[in-house]
Each structure stands twice: as C-alpha cells, then as structure tokens.
Amino acid sequence: MISVVILGAGNVATHFFKALRKSEEASVIQWYNRSLDTIKHFENTVAITNDLAQLKQADVYILAVSDDVVAKLSSQLPFNDRLVVHTSGCVNVSDLDKKHKRGVLYPLQSLSKDAAIDFSNVPICIETLDKKSYPLLKKLAASMGSPTKRVNSPQRRVLHLAAVFVNNFTNQLYRIGHEITESEGAEFDLLKPLILETANKIQTMSPYMAQTGPALRNDKKTINVHLKLLNNPQHKDIYNLLTDAIQQTHGRKKL
C-alpha cells in the first residue's frame, strides 16, 4: 500500500483525495492545509493538520498547491530524502527543493471541485529526477484509474499552454456564444450537439483537416453579416482575429 500525504486543498487536491480514497493500492494517511476550515469536513475520514512539523512519514508527498508557492513549501518541509511531487503544468521539477527526491504528477484535465470526474479520462503526466521513483508514481497514478505518460518539464509546459487554448480559451468562446444566442432569445442548448461533434471529430482527424466555416471558405458576405450582428467591440475583435488566423493557416485570401 502506497502511503500518501496531500498538501493543499484546491481542485486538484480534492479530486486526488477522492480518487485515492477508492484505491486499493494507495491510501491518503494525512491531509495538510494552512487553513483547517477548508478540509475540516474530511476530519472523520483522514487525519488533518495545519502544522508542517506534524506531517507523518509517507511514501509520497503531493504538493497540490498554487504554482507560486511550490518552491517555498517544498523548502519548508521538515525532512529530507523523501519523494515530494507537485501537480503543476508550468513549474519545473527542479523548482522543488533539492533536499528531496523530486517528481511531478500533472493531471491533464480540467478539474472543478464540485464536478464529478472519472480518472480514466484524466491522463497523468509523470516526471522524476531519479529512475527509482518513476515506477512508484506510475503505480500511484494507475491506482486512481488514470492512464500515464512520461513527460519532461519542457514538454509539460507546452502541454499546459496548449491546454489553455483548447480548454480555457475555448470555454470563453462558449461563453461568448451563449451571450450571442441570449441576445435574441435563441437556445444555446441547440449548439451542444455541434460542440460535441467538433470534439468527437478530432478524435479521428487532425484539427487542420477538421476546420470548416466561412473563414475557411473566404465567404466575405457571411463574414460581413456576422460582424454587423456583433454589438460588442471585443467580440468583433475576437471574430476578426480568429478569422484571420484560420485564413492564414489555410492559405486563404486575407480580408
């Protein structure tokens, strides 16, 4: 049984805890957070603490905290030569204090605290600085049901950047689409099959080949109609920017 201590109480920490509670090969023996109030409702299922000096000995310490405190928190841990990992997409594995065995467990998925998640759909990117730690982290990730991939720090950073484009920025476009439909009382729900089809399509073909729409066709008449319908100047800018990007990608004549 792999013993785990979780540090932090955000989205990743919460989902890791819930997944590891179901695991038959790993167990969370302690949960640390600066504010006990945040994790107090778990005190009947796991030992909780806000005192680093009281941390239990474990096989793995997971720092599921914000990027800007990873290095500081790892340096404050009151022990040496234990396996300490962070869960960030952008922080270098070497930013962890060198007194530890260092690694990364980066879940490449959008995790919201109150939304249920199936970890079989959460690929976990693993990096370690020593060969012996990799099999342990791979086993830990697999115990949550996750597929795993060995990924180094530069690769992880670009994956995180790409994730911002395909998830965070795309979700903002959904929000804009929702605002546009509401402006005339149209139902945003009618767009949901289109959203799903777009996501399903790139499972079997490249995003380049999957592109459709007026920008690809250089359909100036439709593009101009769309621009006249947009009352929000920011939405016009986004429409023009993405139209230009599509046309440059596909070699179409610029507007």
Protein backbone atom coordinates (compact mmCIF):
# COMPACT_ATOMS: atom_id res chain seq x y z
CA MET A 1 0.00 0.00 0.00
CA ILE A 2 1.42 3.37 -1.08
CA SER A 3 1.06 5.92 1.71
CA VAL A 4 0.32 9.49 0.63
CA VAL A 5 0.20 12.88 2.30
CA ILE A 6 -1.63 15.62 0.38
CA LEU A 7 -0.71 19.27 0.89
CA GLY A 8 -3.19 21.86 -0.34
CA ALA A 9 -6.97 21.96 -0.59
CA GLY A 10 -7.81 23.21 -4.07
CA ASN A 11 -9.43 21.43 -7.00
CA VAL A 12 -6.56 19.04 -7.71
CA ALA A 13 -6.01 18.16 -4.05
CA THR A 14 -9.70 17.46 -3.53
CA HIS A 15 -10.04 15.23 -6.60
CA PHE A 16 -6.81 13.37 -5.81
CA PHE A 17 -8.08 12.71 -2.29
CA LYS A 18 -11.43 11.41 -3.52
CA ALA A 19 -9.81 9.17 -6.13
CA LEU A 20 -7.22 7.78 -3.71
CA ARG A 21 -9.94 7.01 -1.15
CA LYS A 22 -11.31 4.48 -3.64
CA SER A 23 -7.88 2.98 -4.40
CA GLU A 24 -6.91 -0.48 -3.20
CA GLU A 25 -3.20 0.17 -3.74
CA ALA A 26 -2.78 3.61 -2.16
CA SER A 27 -4.03 5.44 0.89
CA VAL A 28 -4.06 9.09 1.97
CA ILE A 29 -2.84 8.97 5.55
CA GLN A 30 -2.87 12.73 6.13
CA TRP A 31 -4.10 15.97 4.57
CA TYR A 32 -2.33 19.28 5.25
CA ASN A 33 -3.64 22.77 4.61
CA ARG A 34 -2.81 26.14 6.16
CA SER A 35 -6.48 26.63 6.96
CA LEU A 36 -8.09 23.65 8.66
CA ASP A 37 -11.54 25.10 7.99
CA THR A 38 -11.19 24.20 4.31
CA ILE A 39 -10.69 20.48 4.99
CA LYS A 40 -12.38 20.17 8.38
CA HIS A 41 -15.36 18.28 6.94
CA PHE A 42 -12.95 15.46 5.99
CA GLU A 43 -11.58 15.02 9.51
CA ASN A 44 -13.64 11.87 10.10
CA THR A 45 -12.11 10.16 7.07
CA VAL A 46 -8.47 11.30 7.18
CA ALA A 47 -6.05 12.87 9.65
CA ILE A 48 -5.83 16.61 9.00
CA THR A 49 -3.26 19.17 10.10
CA ASN A 50 -2.11 22.73 9.51
CA ASP A 51 1.30 22.12 11.11
CA LEU A 52 4.16 21.05 8.84
CA ALA A 53 6.06 19.79 11.88
CA GLN A 54 3.29 17.21 12.41
CA LEU A 55 3.49 15.65 8.95
CA LYS A 56 3.51 11.87 9.02
CA GLN A 57 6.09 9.73 7.26
CA ALA A 58 4.78 8.65 3.86
CA ASP A 59 5.91 7.20 0.55
CA VAL A 60 4.77 10.26 -1.43
CA TYR A 61 4.02 13.88 -0.53
CA ILE A 62 1.79 15.56 -3.11
CA LEU A 63 2.04 19.36 -3.23
CA ALA A 64 -1.27 20.25 -4.87
CA VAL A 65 -0.84 23.98 -4.33
CA SER A 66 -0.62 27.11 -6.48
CA ASP A 67 2.43 27.44 -8.70
CA ASP A 68 3.95 30.37 -6.85
CA VAL A 69 4.22 28.53 -3.53
CA VAL A 70 5.55 25.15 -4.72
CA ALA A 71 9.22 26.02 -4.24
CA LYS A 72 8.71 27.72 -0.87
CA LEU A 73 6.53 24.97 0.56
CA SER A 74 8.92 22.23 -0.55
CA SER A 75 11.78 24.05 1.21
CA GLN A 76 9.72 24.29 4.41
CA LEU A 77 9.07 20.56 4.68
CA PRO A 78 10.84 19.33 7.84
CA PHE A 79 12.52 16.28 6.34
CA ASN A 80 15.00 15.20 3.66
CA ASP A 81 15.31 12.48 1.03
CA ARG A 82 11.60 11.67 0.73
CA LEU A 83 9.62 11.69 -2.51
CA VAL A 84 7.94 15.09 -2.95
CA VAL A 85 5.94 15.84 -6.09
CA HIS A 86 3.96 18.79 -7.37
CA THR A 87 0.94 18.78 -9.69
CA SER A 88 1.63 21.92 -11.76
CA GLY A 89 1.69 22.17 -15.52
CA CYS A 90 4.21 25.03 -15.55
CA VAL A 91 6.55 24.57 -12.57
CA ASN A 92 9.87 22.86 -13.33
CA VAL A 93 10.57 19.69 -11.39
CA SER A 94 13.87 21.26 -10.34
CA ASP A 95 11.99 24.05 -8.54
CA LEU A 96 11.27 21.56 -5.77
CA ASP A 97 13.88 21.77 -3.01
CA LYS A 98 16.86 19.57 -3.85
CA LYS A 99 16.88 18.05 -0.35
CA HIS A 100 14.02 15.83 -1.59
CA LYS A 101 13.54 13.13 -4.17
CA ARG A 102 11.62 15.16 -6.72
CA GLY A 103 8.83 14.43 -9.15
CA VAL A 104 5.66 15.63 -10.87
CA LEU A 105 2.13 14.22 -11.12
CA TYR A 106 0.38 16.56 -13.56
CA PRO A 107 -3.28 15.73 -14.29
CA LEU A 108 -4.00 16.93 -17.81
CA GLN A 109 -7.67 17.68 -17.33
CA SER A 110 -10.00 20.49 -16.26
CA LEU A 111 -10.84 19.80 -12.61
CA SER A 112 -13.62 21.69 -10.86
CA LYS A 113 -14.03 20.91 -7.16
CA ASP A 114 -17.78 20.28 -7.28
CA ALA A 115 -17.86 18.38 -10.59
CA ALA A 116 -17.50 14.60 -10.55
CA ILE A 117 -14.53 13.31 -12.53
CA ASP A 118 -13.70 9.92 -14.00
CA PHE A 119 -9.96 9.47 -13.62
CA SER A 120 -9.88 7.05 -16.54
CA ASN A 121 -10.28 10.27 -18.57
CA VAL A 122 -7.51 12.08 -16.69
CA PRO A 123 -4.09 11.35 -18.21
CA ILE A 124 -1.39 11.97 -15.62
CA CYS A 125 1.98 13.23 -16.87
CA ILE A 126 4.84 11.91 -14.75
CA GLU A 127 8.36 13.21 -14.32
CA THR A 128 11.03 12.18 -11.83
CA LEU A 129 14.66 13.10 -11.32
CA ASP A 130 15.62 9.60 -10.20
CA LYS A 131 14.73 6.38 -12.00
CA LYS A 132 13.58 4.57 -8.87
CA SER A 133 10.77 7.00 -8.18
CA TYR A 134 9.09 6.67 -11.59
CA PRO A 135 7.57 3.18 -11.09
CA LEU A 136 6.13 4.25 -7.75
CA LEU A 137 4.44 7.34 -9.22
CA LYS A 138 3.20 5.33 -12.19
CA LYS A 139 1.66 2.80 -9.82
CA LEU A 140 0.12 5.61 -7.74
CA ALA A 141 -1.46 7.23 -10.81
CA ALA A 142 -2.71 3.86 -12.07
CA SER A 143 -4.28 3.20 -8.66
CA MET A 144 -6.59 6.16 -9.35
CA GLY A 145 -7.51 4.66 -12.73
CA SER A 146 -5.51 7.14 -14.78
CA PRO A 147 -3.52 6.49 -17.95
CA THR A 148 0.05 7.75 -17.56
CA LYS A 149 2.75 9.25 -19.75
CA ARG A 150 6.37 10.09 -19.02
CA VAL A 151 6.72 13.80 -19.83
CA ASN A 152 9.66 16.11 -19.11
CA SER A 153 9.34 19.70 -17.87
CA PRO A 154 9.58 21.46 -21.29
CA GLN A 155 7.00 19.08 -22.75
CA ARG A 156 4.70 19.58 -19.77
CA ARG A 157 4.89 23.38 -20.12
CA VAL A 158 3.80 23.30 -23.76
CA LEU A 159 1.05 20.79 -22.96
CA HIS A 160 -0.21 23.18 -20.29
CA LEU A 161 -0.05 26.10 -22.74
CA ALA A 162 -1.92 24.08 -25.36
CA ALA A 163 -4.47 23.10 -22.71
CA VAL A 164 -5.19 26.79 -22.07
CA PHE A 165 -6.02 27.21 -25.76
CA VAL A 166 -8.16 24.08 -26.17
CA ASN A 167 -9.92 24.33 -22.81
CA ASN A 168 -9.84 27.74 -21.12
CA PHE A 169 -9.95 29.86 -24.26
CA THR A 170 -12.48 27.55 -25.92
CA ASN A 171 -14.72 27.79 -22.87
CA GLN A 172 -14.57 31.58 -23.13
CA LEU A 173 -15.77 31.23 -26.73
CA TYR A 174 -18.64 29.08 -25.45
CA ARG A 175 -19.49 31.91 -23.05
CA ILE A 176 -19.48 34.42 -25.91
CA GLY A 177 -21.69 32.09 -27.95
CA HIS A 178 -24.08 31.85 -25.01
CA GLU A 179 -24.25 35.64 -24.77
CA ILE A 180 -24.86 35.98 -28.50
CA THR A 181 -27.73 33.47 -28.53
CA GLU A 182 -29.34 35.05 -25.47
CA SER A 183 -29.33 38.47 -27.17
CA GLU A 184 -32.13 37.26 -29.47
CA GLY A 185 -33.71 34.65 -27.20
CA ALA A 186 -32.25 31.72 -29.14
CA GLU A 187 -31.44 28.49 -27.27
CA PHE A 188 -27.75 27.87 -26.60
CA ASP A 189 -28.60 24.20 -26.00
CA LEU A 190 -29.15 23.81 -29.74
CA LEU A 191 -25.40 24.31 -30.18
CA LYS A 192 -24.41 21.48 -27.82
CA PRO A 193 -24.57 18.69 -30.45
CA LEU A 194 -22.28 20.84 -32.63
CA ILE A 195 -19.85 21.28 -29.73
CA LEU A 196 -19.77 17.52 -29.13
CA GLU A 197 -19.36 16.74 -32.85
CA THR A 198 -16.42 19.13 -33.09
CA ALA A 199 -14.74 17.41 -30.13
CA ASN A 200 -15.51 13.94 -31.48
CA LYS A 201 -14.23 14.77 -34.96
CA ILE A 202 -10.67 15.46 -33.82
CA GLN A 203 -10.50 12.00 -32.24
CA THR A 204 -10.06 10.61 -35.75
CA MET A 205 -8.70 13.51 -37.80
CA SER A 206 -6.36 16.46 -37.30
CA PRO A 207 -7.72 19.87 -36.26
CA TYR A 208 -6.32 21.20 -39.54
CA MET A 209 -8.43 18.80 -41.59
CA ALA A 210 -11.50 19.28 -39.38
CA GLN A 211 -11.74 23.04 -39.99
CA THR A 212 -14.96 24.29 -41.62
CA GLY A 213 -16.83 27.61 -41.77
CA PRO A 214 -16.96 30.96 -43.58
CA ALA A 215 -13.34 31.91 -42.80
CA LEU A 216 -12.07 28.72 -44.44
CA ARG A 217 -14.30 29.32 -47.48
CA ASN A 218 -13.36 33.03 -47.55
CA ASP A 219 -17.10 33.73 -47.56
CA LYS A 220 -16.87 37.51 -47.28
CA LYS A 221 -20.62 38.09 -47.44
CA THR A 222 -21.34 35.85 -44.44
CA ILE A 223 -18.38 37.23 -42.51
CA ASN A 224 -19.61 40.80 -43.00
CA VAL A 225 -23.14 39.83 -41.89
CA HIS A 226 -21.70 38.27 -38.74
CA LEU A 227 -19.62 41.34 -37.97
CA LYS A 228 -22.69 43.60 -38.31
CA LEU A 229 -24.60 41.38 -35.86
CA LEU A 230 -21.90 41.76 -33.20
CA ASN A 231 -22.54 44.75 -30.95
CA ASN A 232 -19.70 44.07 -28.53
CA PRO A 233 -16.43 45.57 -29.90
CA GLN A 234 -14.38 42.90 -28.10
CA HIS A 235 -16.41 40.16 -29.78
CA LYS A 236 -15.77 41.83 -33.16
CA ASP A 237 -12.03 41.86 -32.44
CA ILE A 238 -12.06 38.18 -31.49
CA TYR A 239 -14.08 37.30 -34.62
CA ASN A 240 -11.67 39.20 -36.86
CA LEU A 241 -8.59 37.76 -35.12
CA LEU A 242 -9.76 34.14 -35.41
CA THR A 243 -10.98 34.63 -38.98
CA ASP A 244 -7.56 36.00 -39.95
CA ALA A 245 -5.79 33.14 -38.13
CA ILE A 246 -7.87 30.49 -39.94
CA GLN A 247 -7.28 32.11 -43.31
CA GLN A 248 -3.54 32.39 -42.76
CA THR A 249 -3.38 28.74 -41.63
CA HIS A 250 -5.26 27.52 -44.69
CA GLY A 251 -3.73 29.90 -47.21
CA ARG A 252 -6.95 31.74 -47.93
CA LYS A 253 -7.00 35.33 -49.12
CA LYS A 254 -6.97 37.73 -46.17
CA LEU A 255 -9.88 40.09 -45.72
